[in-house]
């Protein structure tokens, strides 16, 4: 098996563990104990947070100015889902840190 095939196989096994596949024995194996973890932990991942904004049009986004906000029906106190692709990793809350928007991770999936 070449290095690419090994990487893909290891990544596939690790992804199975990350979503709770049970290994032999009792309980779920922590991701950090997987043999491929040292390599997998350095892979870049695109994270996404989506909030529904009904009625939002491109022209509304283009008209935004500094300090303006968008209205949402999402409750301020409700955590937002944090995903990579279709896999939900956890939930978080928005904060402002040094004049930039940030997401504080509040719990893992």
C-alpha atoms as a PDB file:
ATOM      1  CA  UNK A   1       0.000   0.000   0.000  1.00  0.00           C
ATOM      2  CA  UNK A   2       1.483   3.378  -0.971  1.00  0.00           C
ATOM      3  CA  UNK A   3       1.647   6.409   1.343  1.00  0.00           C
ATOM      4  CA  UNK A   4      -1.440   8.065  -0.169  1.00  0.00           C
ATOM      5  CA  UNK A   5      -3.525   4.914   0.243  1.00  0.00           C
ATOM      6  CA  UNK A   6      -2.288   4.535   3.824  1.00  0.00           C
ATOM      7  CA  UNK A   7      -3.183   8.164   4.552  1.00  0.00           C
ATOM      8  CA  UNK A   8      -6.666   7.739   3.082  1.00  0.00           C
ATOM      9  CA  UNK A   9      -7.220   4.489   4.993  1.00  0.00           C
ATOM     10  CA  UNK A  10      -5.995   6.051   8.239  1.00  0.00           C
ATOM     11  CA  UNK A  11      -8.107   9.169   7.709  1.00  0.00           C
ATOM     12  CA  UNK A  12     -11.159   6.999   7.018  1.00  0.00           C
ATOM     13  CA  UNK A  13     -10.586   4.935  10.157  1.00  0.00           C
ATOM     14  CA  UNK A  14     -10.050   8.088  12.207  1.00  0.00           C
ATOM     15  CA  UNK A  15     -13.217   9.677  10.832  1.00  0.00           C
ATOM     16  CA  UNK A  16     -15.130   6.566  11.899  1.00  0.00           C
ATOM     17  CA  UNK A  17     -13.748   6.924  15.422  1.00  0.00           C
ATOM     18  CA  UNK A  18     -14.521  10.651  15.494  1.00  0.00           C
ATOM     19  CA  UNK A  19     -18.225  10.034  14.959  1.00  0.00           C
ATOM     20  CA  UNK A  20     -18.378   7.401  17.641  1.00  0.00           C
ATOM     21  CA  UNK A  21     -17.677   4.037  15.986  1.00  0.00           C
ATOM     22  CA  UNK A  22     -16.920   1.656  18.822  1.00  0.00           C
ATOM     23  CA  UNK A  23     -13.627  -0.223  18.626  1.00  0.00           C
ATOM     24  CA  UNK A  24     -13.141  -3.690  20.096  1.00  0.00           C
ATOM     25  CA  UNK A  25     -13.560  -3.487  23.850  1.00  0.00           C
ATOM     26  CA  UNK A  26     -15.725  -1.106  25.822  1.00  0.00           C
ATOM     27  CA  UNK A  27     -16.340   2.558  25.086  1.00  0.00           C
ATOM     28  CA  UNK A  28     -15.297   4.883  22.288  1.00  0.00           C
ATOM     29  CA  UNK A  29     -11.585   5.267  21.577  1.00  0.00           C
ATOM     30  CA  UNK A  30     -10.404   8.880  21.922  1.00  0.00           C
ATOM     31  CA  UNK A  31      -9.234  10.339  18.617  1.00  0.00           C
ATOM     32  CA  UNK A  32      -5.839  11.183  20.147  1.00  0.00           C
ATOM     33  CA  UNK A  33      -5.113   7.462  20.643  1.00  0.00           C
ATOM     34  CA  UNK A  34      -5.502   6.593  16.963  1.00  0.00           C
ATOM     35  CA  UNK A  35      -2.116   5.697  15.380  1.00  0.00           C
ATOM     36  CA  UNK A  36      -2.630   8.291  12.619  1.00  0.00           C
ATOM     37  CA  UNK A  37      -3.450  11.139  15.046  1.00  0.00           C
ATOM     38  CA  UNK A  38      -0.013  12.867  14.859  1.00  0.00           C
ATOM     39  CA  UNK A  39      -0.504  13.318  11.108  1.00  0.00           C
ATOM     40  CA  UNK A  40      -4.285  13.899  11.128  1.00  0.00           C
ATOM     41  CA  UNK A  41      -4.170  16.680  13.719  1.00  0.00           C
ATOM     42  CA  UNK A  42      -2.221  18.852  11.255  1.00  0.00           C
ATOM     43  CA  UNK A  43      -4.687  18.514   8.364  1.00  0.00           C
ATOM     44  CA  UNK A  44      -6.529  21.758   7.574  1.00  0.00           C
ATOM     45  CA  UNK A  45     -10.298  21.655   8.044  1.00  0.00           C
ATOM     46  CA  UNK A  46     -12.891  24.170   6.881  1.00  0.00           C
ATOM     47  CA  UNK A  47     -15.306  24.991   9.699  1.00  0.00           C
ATOM     48  CA  UNK A  48     -18.729  26.501   9.069  1.00  0.00           C
ATOM     49  CA  UNK A  49     -21.356  28.199  11.184  1.00  0.00           C
ATOM     50  CA  UNK A  50     -24.693  28.831   9.492  1.00  0.00           C
ATOM     51  CA  UNK A  51     -27.483  31.063  10.707  1.00  0.00           C
ATOM     52  CA  UNK A  52     -30.666  31.394   8.657  1.00  0.00           C
ATOM     53  CA  UNK A  53     -31.295  34.962   7.454  1.00  0.00           C
ATOM     54  CA  UNK A  54     -34.722  34.975   5.816  1.00  0.00           C
ATOM     55  CA  UNK A  55     -35.277  37.519   3.121  1.00  0.00           C
ATOM     56  CA  UNK A  56     -31.593  38.443   2.837  1.00  0.00           C
ATOM     57  CA  UNK A  57     -30.583  39.432  -0.676  1.00  0.00           C
ATOM     58  CA  UNK A  58     -27.170  40.057  -2.206  1.00  0.00           C
ATOM     59  CA  UNK A  59     -28.037  43.750  -2.561  1.00  0.00           C
ATOM     60  CA  UNK A  60     -28.540  43.945   1.258  1.00  0.00           C
ATOM     61  CA  UNK A  61     -25.062  42.509   1.844  1.00  0.00           C
ATOM     62  CA  UNK A  62     -23.510  44.898  -0.694  1.00  0.00           C
ATOM     63  CA  UNK A  63     -25.166  47.866   1.024  1.00  0.00           C
ATOM     64  CA  UNK A  64     -23.722  47.017   4.455  1.00  0.00           C
ATOM     65  CA  UNK A  65     -21.472  49.602   6.013  1.00  0.00           C
ATOM     66  CA  UNK A  66     -19.084  49.554   8.951  1.00  0.00           C
ATOM     67  CA  UNK A  67     -20.901  48.830  12.210  1.00  0.00           C
ATOM     68  CA  UNK A  68     -24.148  47.714  10.594  1.00  0.00           C
ATOM     69  CA  UNK A  69     -25.731  44.395  11.506  1.00  0.00           C
ATOM     70  CA  UNK A  70     -28.013  41.853   9.874  1.00  0.00           C
ATOM     71  CA  UNK A  71     -31.288  40.899  11.514  1.00  0.00           C
ATOM     72  CA  UNK A  72     -31.794  37.209  12.297  1.00  0.00           C
ATOM     73  CA  UNK A  73     -34.497  35.214  14.039  1.00  0.00           C
ATOM     74  CA  UNK A  74     -31.774  33.178  15.804  1.00  0.00           C
ATOM     75  CA  UNK A  75     -32.036  33.662  19.595  1.00  0.00           C
ATOM     76  CA  UNK A  76     -29.070  35.580  21.027  1.00  0.00           C
ATOM     77  CA  UNK A  77     -28.610  33.085  23.871  1.00  0.00           C
ATOM     78  CA  UNK A  78     -28.856  30.021  21.594  1.00  0.00           C
ATOM     79  CA  UNK A  79     -25.555  28.382  20.618  1.00  0.00           C
ATOM     80  CA  UNK A  80     -24.843  28.019  16.900  1.00  0.00           C
ATOM     81  CA  UNK A  81     -23.869  24.668  15.339  1.00  0.00           C
ATOM     82  CA  UNK A  82     -20.221  24.292  14.248  1.00  0.00           C
ATOM     83  CA  UNK A  83     -19.703  21.895  11.332  1.00  0.00           C
ATOM     84  CA  UNK A  84     -17.098  20.612   8.931  1.00  0.00           C
ATOM     85  CA  UNK A  85     -18.923  19.392   5.852  1.00  0.00           C
ATOM     86  CA  UNK A  86     -21.942  17.451   7.143  1.00  0.00           C
ATOM     87  CA  UNK A  87     -20.268  16.426  10.429  1.00  0.00           C
ATOM     88  CA  UNK A  88     -21.296  18.536  13.403  1.00  0.00           C
ATOM     89  CA  UNK A  89     -18.309  19.056  15.694  1.00  0.00           C
ATOM     90  CA  UNK A  90     -19.920  21.142  18.393  1.00  0.00           C
ATOM     91  CA  UNK A  91     -21.680  24.387  19.263  1.00  0.00           C
ATOM     92  CA  UNK A  92     -20.429  27.859  19.972  1.00  0.00           C
ATOM     93  CA  UNK A  93     -21.359  31.443  20.718  1.00  0.00           C
ATOM     94  CA  UNK A  94     -20.312  34.588  18.906  1.00  0.00           C
ATOM     95  CA  UNK A  95     -18.091  37.137  20.632  1.00  0.00           C
ATOM     96  CA  UNK A  96     -16.111  40.208  19.665  1.00  0.00           C
ATOM     97  CA  UNK A  97     -12.366  39.938  20.303  1.00  0.00           C
ATOM     98  CA  UNK A  98     -10.099  42.868  19.433  1.00  0.00           C
ATOM     99  CA  UNK A  99     -12.645  44.375  17.026  1.00  0.00           C
ATOM    100  CA  UNK A 100     -13.120  41.024  15.225  1.00  0.00           C
ATOM    101  CA  UNK A 101     -15.930  38.501  15.315  1.00  0.00           C
ATOM    102  CA  UNK A 102     -14.983  35.227  17.006  1.00  0.00           C
ATOM    103  CA  UNK A 103     -16.723  31.979  17.890  1.00  0.00           C
ATOM    104  CA  UNK A 104     -16.195  30.549  21.365  1.00  0.00           C
ATOM    105  CA  UNK A 105     -16.598  26.768  21.448  1.00  0.00           C
ATOM    106  CA  UNK A 106     -19.128  25.980  24.169  1.00  0.00           C
ATOM    107  CA  UNK A 107     -19.517  22.199  23.799  1.00  0.00           C
ATOM    108  CA  UNK A 108     -18.429  19.309  21.616  1.00  0.00           C
ATOM    109  CA  UNK A 109     -20.808  17.052  19.698  1.00  0.00           C
END
